[in-house]
């Protein structure tokens, strides 16, 4: 990926081109920490075309941080896919949380129960997501973990 940057006044303009060799990728934390929230189309394309785990994770992490309503479908597909990577699922859940999508509470609870079967610690991301979404069903589920 080419992440060239032009500075115009005080604005940093990034141009992302996905042409990197496997094993070398730009960590997106720089984009997230600097709240560069205009690259959804680039990360959607990378997610759809590059099937390497690193790029899949990177793309969903970015999209979940700066989600748009059309990303809901991507996030739900990830949660419904039993073969999805655990960390990609966690990012997808946070994407739904950042969208405040109350209609996703049931699938988030299901994913939480599956992942936390071996340890309550694995429920952490899901509980944070449910607390961001709010709603009665989400609140009741989160309260189950009170004093655990």
Protein backbone atom coordinates (compact mmCIF):
# COMPACT_ATOMS: atom_id res chain seq x y z
CA UNK A 1 0.00 0.00 0.00
CA UNK A 2 1.31 3.41 -0.94
CA UNK A 3 0.27 5.94 1.68
CA UNK A 4 1.80 9.05 0.19
CA UNK A 5 0.95 12.27 1.93
CA UNK A 6 0.69 15.80 0.62
CA UNK A 7 0.47 18.72 2.98
CA UNK A 8 -1.80 21.52 1.80
CA UNK A 9 -1.73 24.31 4.33
CA UNK A 10 -2.32 22.51 7.61
CA UNK A 11 -4.25 19.63 6.00
CA UNK A 12 -2.57 16.28 5.43
CA UNK A 13 -3.94 14.60 2.32
CA UNK A 14 -3.32 10.83 2.11
CA UNK A 15 -3.49 8.75 -1.05
CA UNK A 16 -3.74 5.01 -0.44
CA UNK A 17 -2.86 2.57 -3.19
CA UNK A 18 -3.05 -1.13 -2.40
CA UNK A 19 -0.02 -2.60 -4.12
CA UNK A 20 2.07 -3.91 -1.25
CA UNK A 21 3.89 -7.17 -1.14
CA UNK A 22 2.56 -9.75 1.35
CA UNK A 23 3.87 -9.39 4.88
CA UNK A 24 4.42 -5.64 4.66
CA UNK A 25 1.59 -3.34 5.54
CA UNK A 26 1.03 0.08 6.94
CA UNK A 27 -0.36 -0.02 10.43
CA UNK A 28 -3.62 1.86 10.46
CA UNK A 29 -3.25 3.18 13.99
CA UNK A 30 -1.70 6.33 12.56
CA UNK A 31 -4.88 6.93 10.55
CA UNK A 32 -7.15 6.14 13.49
CA UNK A 33 -5.18 8.14 16.07
CA UNK A 34 -5.17 11.14 13.76
CA UNK A 35 -8.91 10.70 13.05
CA UNK A 36 -8.41 10.41 9.31
CA UNK A 37 -11.95 9.25 8.63
CA UNK A 38 -12.29 9.64 4.88
CA UNK A 39 -10.77 6.39 3.63
CA UNK A 40 -13.73 4.04 3.94
CA UNK A 41 -13.93 3.39 0.20
CA UNK A 42 -10.26 2.39 0.08
CA UNK A 43 -10.60 0.02 3.03
CA UNK A 44 -13.86 -1.45 1.69
CA UNK A 45 -12.07 -2.27 -1.56
CA UNK A 46 -9.11 -3.80 0.27
CA UNK A 47 -11.47 -5.89 2.43
CA UNK A 48 -13.30 -7.14 -0.65
CA UNK A 49 -10.22 -7.92 -2.74
CA UNK A 50 -7.39 -8.93 -0.39
CA UNK A 51 -8.06 -12.12 1.55
CA UNK A 52 -4.92 -12.07 3.70
CA UNK A 53 -5.76 -12.07 7.40
CA UNK A 54 -3.68 -8.96 8.07
CA UNK A 55 -5.49 -6.90 5.46
CA UNK A 56 -8.88 -8.25 6.52
CA UNK A 57 -8.18 -7.26 10.14
CA UNK A 58 -6.77 -3.90 9.17
CA UNK A 59 -9.71 -3.07 6.93
CA UNK A 60 -12.37 -4.02 9.47
CA UNK A 61 -10.53 -2.22 12.26
CA UNK A 62 -10.57 0.98 10.20
CA UNK A 63 -14.18 0.55 9.03
CA UNK A 64 -15.39 -0.23 12.56
CA UNK A 65 -13.72 2.90 13.91
CA UNK A 66 -15.28 5.13 11.25
CA UNK A 67 -18.37 3.15 10.21
CA UNK A 68 -20.99 4.19 7.72
CA UNK A 69 -24.45 2.67 7.60
CA UNK A 70 -23.58 0.52 4.56
CA UNK A 71 -20.86 -1.24 6.60
CA UNK A 72 -23.52 -2.83 8.81
CA UNK A 73 -23.95 -5.61 6.23
CA UNK A 74 -20.21 -6.37 6.26
CA UNK A 75 -20.13 -6.47 10.07
CA UNK A 76 -23.15 -8.78 10.27
CA UNK A 77 -21.69 -11.14 7.65
CA UNK A 78 -18.51 -11.41 9.71
CA UNK A 79 -20.45 -12.25 12.87
CA UNK A 80 -22.57 -14.84 11.06
CA UNK A 81 -19.51 -16.56 9.57
CA UNK A 82 -18.24 -19.25 11.96
CA UNK A 83 -14.85 -19.20 10.24
CA UNK A 84 -14.23 -15.49 10.88
CA UNK A 85 -11.13 -14.58 12.84
CA UNK A 86 -11.84 -13.74 16.51
CA UNK A 87 -10.24 -10.31 16.30
CA UNK A 88 -12.09 -9.43 13.10
CA UNK A 89 -15.33 -10.41 14.87
CA UNK A 90 -14.48 -8.15 17.79
CA UNK A 91 -13.85 -5.23 15.45
CA UNK A 92 -17.10 -5.94 13.60
CA UNK A 93 -18.97 -5.84 16.90
CA UNK A 94 -17.43 -2.46 17.69
CA UNK A 95 -18.48 -1.23 14.26
CA UNK A 96 -22.09 -2.12 15.06
CA UNK A 97 -21.68 -0.43 18.44
CA UNK A 98 -20.34 2.74 16.85
CA UNK A 99 -23.37 2.71 14.56
CA UNK A 100 -25.57 2.35 17.70
CA UNK A 101 -27.39 -0.46 15.87
CA UNK A 102 -29.99 -1.80 18.30
CA UNK A 103 -31.21 -4.35 15.75
CA UNK A 104 -27.84 -6.13 16.10
CA UNK A 105 -28.11 -6.81 19.83
CA UNK A 106 -29.24 -10.43 19.39
CA UNK A 107 -26.38 -11.39 17.07
CA UNK A 108 -23.87 -9.61 19.35
CA UNK A 109 -25.20 -11.54 22.35
CA UNK A 110 -24.96 -14.81 20.40
CA UNK A 111 -21.37 -14.06 19.37
CA UNK A 112 -20.54 -13.08 22.95
CA UNK A 113 -21.88 -16.34 24.33
CA UNK A 114 -19.94 -18.37 21.78
CA UNK A 115 -16.66 -16.58 22.44
CA UNK A 116 -17.00 -16.36 26.21
CA UNK A 117 -17.86 -20.04 26.68
CA UNK A 118 -14.31 -20.71 27.92
CA UNK A 119 -13.70 -17.45 29.77
CA UNK A 120 -15.74 -14.43 30.80
CA UNK A 121 -12.77 -12.28 29.82
CA UNK A 122 -13.58 -13.02 26.17
CA UNK A 123 -16.91 -11.23 26.64
CA UNK A 124 -15.24 -7.88 27.31
CA UNK A 125 -15.43 -6.39 23.80
CA UNK A 126 -18.99 -7.58 23.34
CA UNK A 127 -20.08 -6.07 26.66
CA UNK A 128 -18.47 -2.75 25.76
CA UNK A 129 -20.29 -2.84 22.43
CA UNK A 130 -23.64 -3.61 24.06
CA UNK A 131 -23.14 -0.79 26.56
CA UNK A 132 -22.50 1.63 23.69
CA UNK A 133 -25.63 0.51 21.85
CA UNK A 134 -27.78 0.79 24.98
CA UNK A 135 -31.39 -0.38 24.86
CA UNK A 136 -33.19 -2.56 27.37
CA UNK A 137 -32.10 -5.95 26.01
CA UNK A 138 -28.45 -4.88 25.82
CA UNK A 139 -28.58 -3.44 29.36
CA UNK A 140 -30.08 -6.63 30.81
CA UNK A 141 -27.43 -8.77 29.16
CA UNK A 142 -24.58 -6.58 30.39
CA UNK A 143 -26.02 -6.67 33.92
CA UNK A 144 -25.64 -10.46 33.93
CA UNK A 145 -21.91 -9.85 34.26
CA UNK A 146 -22.27 -7.50 37.22
CA UNK A 147 -20.20 -8.68 40.18
CA UNK A 148 -18.81 -11.65 38.26
